[in-house]
Amino acid sequence: MADKKIQDYRALYGALSLLLVGFVLSFQCIFYLRDDEFSKEIIRARWLWEIVLNIQILSLAFMWFSHHNRILFSQGRWRVRAILNFTAGFVAAGTPAAIMLVAAMLDWYRYPPDPGLPKQLIIKGIYAWLAIIFSSEVIGNFLRPRRRGKQNQSKTRVVFTAKYDFFRRRWPAVLAAIFLAGNELVINDTGIILATFLCFLQGAVTYYRKALKPPYYETEAYDAG
């Protein structure tokens, strides 16, 4: 049985950062996708956006703390990799700030949009994200057997292992695709709201899996170059 002891606690800050962002965005979706006066008042409420801004600052701080040592103690290609990973995480954690900027530019704080526009943008964004996730898995599965070519594994075992590993690592993305596809079967766009949270839960799961391993700058693979 695999040891599930946490070995990199800083990675957990990345998971917490994305969980906070997922909660905030799914909460906002509830009001952007409803066409009633109460929802419009909530969108215009200053107190809500101050809370969102404070959570945004906290989530970005968590993301920086999660990646700080990986950038500081890495060299060469490892540092480039660490910076790219940090950039991707920081952009994901900064999604609420980007939405706030777009809302200010479109004057949504005074005149909330018709629910149809945010709904289209959210659906397109989630579909684009799912396309990236699943296409990266296809490419990874194509390359993985080649990396294992020197090992004595049958083709059937490699395929089975790849499928099991896919669902073990990507189950939030799979659920997000299911909820998004079945959104029209539920009330109040619940499928979109859940899919939004699951997108960021997928990122949090990735950081949690990193936390189960020692930082790569402490491993033999890093010492070997």
Protein backbone atom coordinates (compact mmCIF):
# COMPACT_ATOMS: atom_id res chain seq x y z
CA MET A 1 0.00 0.00 0.00
CA ALA A 2 1.35 3.39 -1.02
CA ASP A 3 2.46 5.76 1.71
CA LYS A 4 0.17 8.80 1.78
CA LYS A 5 2.30 10.87 4.15
CA ILE A 6 2.67 14.52 3.18
CA GLN A 7 6.27 15.27 2.20
CA ASP A 8 5.97 18.74 0.66
CA TYR A 9 3.68 20.92 2.76
CA ARG A 10 4.27 23.95 0.56
CA ALA A 11 2.45 22.21 -2.29
CA LEU A 12 -0.65 22.13 -0.11
CA TYR A 13 -0.76 25.91 -0.23
CA GLY A 14 -1.19 25.67 -3.99
CA ALA A 15 -4.10 23.27 -3.48
CA LEU A 16 -5.69 25.60 -0.91
CA SER A 17 -5.24 28.56 -3.27
CA LEU A 18 -7.15 26.87 -6.09
CA LEU A 19 -9.86 25.59 -3.74
CA LEU A 20 -10.48 29.16 -2.58
CA VAL A 21 -10.64 30.41 -6.17
CA GLY A 22 -12.98 27.58 -7.18
CA PHE A 23 -15.31 28.36 -4.28
CA VAL A 24 -15.38 32.08 -5.07
CA LEU A 25 -16.03 31.62 -8.80
CA SER A 26 -18.72 28.97 -8.36
CA PHE A 27 -20.39 31.26 -5.79
CA GLN A 28 -20.30 34.16 -8.25
CA CYS A 29 -21.75 31.95 -10.99
CA ILE A 30 -24.89 31.48 -8.92
CA PHE A 31 -25.72 35.18 -9.25
CA TYR A 32 -24.38 35.83 -12.76
CA LEU A 33 -26.55 33.02 -14.14
CA ARG A 34 -29.77 34.16 -12.48
CA ASP A 35 -32.06 36.86 -13.85
CA ASP A 36 -33.67 38.38 -10.75
CA GLU A 37 -33.32 41.60 -8.80
CA PHE A 38 -31.70 39.97 -5.78
CA SER A 39 -28.88 38.53 -7.91
CA LYS A 40 -28.34 41.88 -9.62
CA GLU A 41 -28.11 43.60 -6.24
CA ILE A 42 -25.54 41.06 -5.08
CA ILE A 43 -23.45 41.64 -8.21
CA ARG A 44 -23.50 45.38 -7.55
CA ALA A 45 -22.79 45.03 -3.82
CA ARG A 46 -19.49 46.59 -2.83
CA TRP A 47 -19.06 44.38 0.23
CA LEU A 48 -19.10 41.24 -1.94
CA TRP A 49 -16.35 42.49 -4.23
CA GLU A 50 -14.23 43.55 -1.25
CA ILE A 51 -14.51 40.02 0.12
CA VAL A 52 -13.64 38.58 -3.29
CA LEU A 53 -10.64 40.90 -3.57
CA ASN A 54 -9.32 39.90 -0.14
CA ILE A 55 -9.71 36.19 -0.94
CA GLN A 56 -7.98 36.84 -4.26
CA ILE A 57 -4.98 38.41 -2.52
CA LEU A 58 -4.82 35.50 -0.08
CA SER A 59 -5.00 32.87 -2.84
CA LEU A 60 -2.22 34.58 -4.82
CA ALA A 61 -0.07 34.72 -1.68
CA PHE A 62 -0.65 31.00 -1.11
CA MET A 63 0.33 30.28 -4.71
CA TRP A 64 3.56 32.25 -4.41
CA PHE A 65 4.44 30.51 -1.14
CA SER A 66 3.77 27.14 -2.78
CA HIS A 67 6.27 27.77 -5.59
CA HIS A 68 8.86 29.95 -3.85
CA ASN A 69 11.31 27.23 -2.82
CA ARG A 70 10.99 25.39 -6.12
CA ILE A 71 12.15 28.51 -7.96
CA LEU A 72 14.75 29.54 -5.36
CA PHE A 73 16.52 26.19 -5.05
CA SER A 74 16.36 25.12 -8.70
CA GLN A 75 18.94 25.65 -11.39
CA GLY A 76 19.02 25.45 -15.19
CA ARG A 77 16.13 23.69 -16.87
CA TRP A 78 14.63 22.87 -13.49
CA ARG A 79 14.30 26.57 -12.70
CA VAL A 80 12.69 27.21 -16.09
CA ARG A 81 10.21 24.43 -15.33
CA ALA A 82 9.55 25.87 -11.86
CA ILE A 83 8.91 29.35 -13.28
CA LEU A 84 6.54 28.01 -15.94
CA ASN A 85 4.61 26.00 -13.33
CA PHE A 86 4.40 29.05 -11.10
CA THR A 87 3.16 31.20 -13.98
CA ALA A 88 0.41 28.71 -14.81
CA GLY A 89 -0.64 28.44 -11.16
CA PHE A 90 -0.55 32.20 -10.65
CA VAL A 91 -2.71 32.82 -13.73
CA ALA A 92 -5.24 30.21 -12.55
CA ALA A 93 -5.32 31.70 -9.05
CA GLY A 94 -5.75 35.19 -10.54
CA THR A 95 -8.95 34.32 -12.42
CA PRO A 96 -11.22 36.30 -10.01
CA ALA A 97 -9.09 39.42 -10.53
CA ALA A 98 -9.36 38.99 -14.31
CA ILE A 99 -13.14 38.70 -14.03
CA MET A 100 -13.26 41.79 -11.82
CA LEU A 101 -11.28 43.71 -14.44
CA VAL A 102 -13.57 42.58 -17.27
CA ALA A 103 -16.64 43.43 -15.18
CA ALA A 104 -15.28 46.92 -14.51
CA MET A 105 -14.47 47.47 -18.19
CA LEU A 106 -17.98 46.40 -19.21
CA ASP A 107 -19.58 48.39 -16.37
CA TRP A 108 -21.25 45.29 -14.90
CA TYR A 109 -21.07 46.75 -11.40
CA ARG A 110 -23.68 49.35 -12.31
CA TYR A 111 -25.51 47.46 -15.04
CA PRO A 112 -25.33 43.68 -14.48
CA PRO A 113 -25.29 41.69 -17.72
CA ASP A 114 -28.01 39.50 -19.10
CA PRO A 115 -27.39 35.92 -17.79
CA GLY A 116 -26.95 34.64 -21.35
CA LEU A 117 -23.59 36.40 -21.87
CA PRO A 118 -21.81 35.09 -18.72
CA LYS A 119 -23.25 31.64 -19.39
CA GLN A 120 -21.75 31.51 -22.89
CA LEU A 121 -18.38 32.76 -21.65
CA ILE A 122 -18.27 30.24 -18.79
CA ILE A 123 -19.24 27.31 -21.02
CA LYS A 124 -16.66 28.24 -23.66
CA GLY A 125 -13.99 28.68 -20.99
CA ILE A 126 -14.68 25.29 -19.39
CA TYR A 127 -14.79 23.51 -22.74
CA ALA A 128 -11.46 25.08 -23.72
CA TRP A 129 -9.95 24.00 -20.40
CA LEU A 130 -11.28 20.44 -20.80
CA ALA A 131 -9.86 20.29 -24.33
CA ILE A 132 -6.42 21.21 -23.01
CA ILE A 133 -6.63 18.67 -20.16
CA PHE A 134 -7.77 15.76 -22.31
CA SER A 135 -5.47 16.52 -25.23
CA SER A 136 -2.49 16.67 -22.87
CA GLU A 137 -3.49 13.25 -21.55
CA VAL A 138 -3.63 11.83 -25.08
CA ILE A 139 -0.15 13.17 -25.82
CA GLY A 140 1.12 11.91 -22.46
CA ASN A 141 -0.30 8.43 -23.03
CA PHE A 142 1.33 8.35 -26.47
CA LEU A 143 4.74 9.19 -25.04
CA ARG A 144 4.51 7.16 -21.82
CA PRO A 145 4.86 3.68 -23.40
CA ARG A 146 7.98 4.90 -25.22
CA ARG A 147 9.53 5.99 -21.94
CA ARG A 148 8.73 2.56 -20.55
CA GLY A 149 10.03 0.75 -23.59
CA LYS A 150 12.99 -0.70 -21.72
CA GLN A 151 10.76 -2.19 -19.03
CA ASN A 152 9.31 -5.68 -19.34
CA GLN A 153 5.65 -4.73 -19.45
CA SER A 154 3.01 -6.08 -21.79
CA LYS A 155 1.06 -3.70 -23.97
CA THR A 156 -2.17 -4.66 -22.21
CA ARG A 157 -0.72 -3.83 -18.81
CA VAL A 158 0.56 -0.46 -20.03
CA VAL A 159 -2.85 0.49 -21.47
CA PHE A 160 -4.67 -0.62 -18.30
CA THR A 161 -2.22 1.29 -16.09
CA ALA A 162 -2.59 4.43 -18.22
CA LYS A 163 -6.40 4.31 -18.02
CA TYR A 164 -6.39 3.72 -14.26
CA ASP A 165 -3.87 6.51 -13.74
CA PHE A 166 -5.93 8.86 -15.90
CA PHE A 167 -9.08 8.47 -13.80
CA ARG A 168 -7.10 8.58 -10.57
CA ARG A 169 -5.50 11.90 -11.51
CA ARG A 170 -8.26 13.50 -13.59
CA TRP A 171 -11.54 12.47 -11.93
CA PRO A 172 -12.56 16.12 -11.24
CA ALA A 173 -12.14 16.93 -14.95
CA VAL A 174 -14.22 13.89 -15.92
CA LEU A 175 -16.98 14.94 -13.50
CA ALA A 176 -16.79 18.53 -14.79
CA ALA A 177 -17.36 17.29 -18.36
CA ILE A 178 -20.32 15.17 -17.22
CA PHE A 179 -21.97 17.99 -15.25
CA LEU A 180 -21.42 20.48 -18.06
CA ALA A 181 -22.89 18.12 -20.65
CA GLY A 182 -25.93 17.48 -18.45
CA ASN A 183 -26.50 21.09 -17.43
CA GLU A 184 -29.76 21.39 -19.37
CA LEU A 185 -31.17 18.45 -17.38
CA VAL A 186 -30.89 20.24 -14.04
CA ILE A 187 -32.38 23.47 -12.69
CA ASN A 188 -30.68 26.85 -12.18
CA ASP A 189 -27.61 25.88 -14.24
CA THR A 190 -26.37 23.70 -11.39
CA GLY A 191 -24.21 21.72 -13.82
CA ILE A 192 -22.23 24.83 -14.80
CA ILE A 193 -21.77 25.88 -11.17
CA LEU A 194 -20.45 22.45 -10.16
CA ALA A 195 -18.27 22.19 -13.27
CA THR A 196 -16.68 25.55 -12.43
CA PHE A 197 -15.69 24.35 -8.98
CA LEU A 198 -14.48 20.99 -10.30
CA CYS A 199 -12.13 22.72 -12.76
CA PHE A 200 -10.23 24.27 -9.87
CA LEU A 201 -10.57 21.13 -7.75
CA GLN A 202 -8.66 19.38 -10.55
CA GLY A 203 -5.80 21.81 -10.04
CA ALA A 204 -5.97 21.33 -6.28
CA VAL A 205 -5.74 17.54 -6.72
CA THR A 206 -2.60 18.03 -8.82
CA TYR A 207 -0.97 20.06 -6.04
CA TYR A 208 -2.06 17.49 -3.44
CA ARG A 209 -0.39 14.73 -5.46
CA LYS A 210 2.78 16.85 -5.54
CA ALA A 211 2.60 17.15 -1.75
CA LEU A 212 2.85 13.36 -1.45
CA LYS A 213 6.33 13.45 -3.00
CA PRO A 214 9.48 15.24 -1.87
CA PRO A 215 10.33 18.42 -3.80
CA TYR A 216 12.26 17.50 -6.94
CA TYR A 217 15.24 19.64 -5.89
CA GLU A 218 15.74 17.14 -3.02
CA THR A 219 15.66 14.05 -5.23
CA GLU A 220 18.41 12.04 -6.89
CA ALA A 221 17.00 12.85 -10.34
CA TYR A 222 17.71 16.54 -9.71
CA ASP A 223 21.22 15.82 -8.42
CA ALA A 224 21.89 13.81 -11.56
CA GLY A 225 21.12 16.85 -13.68
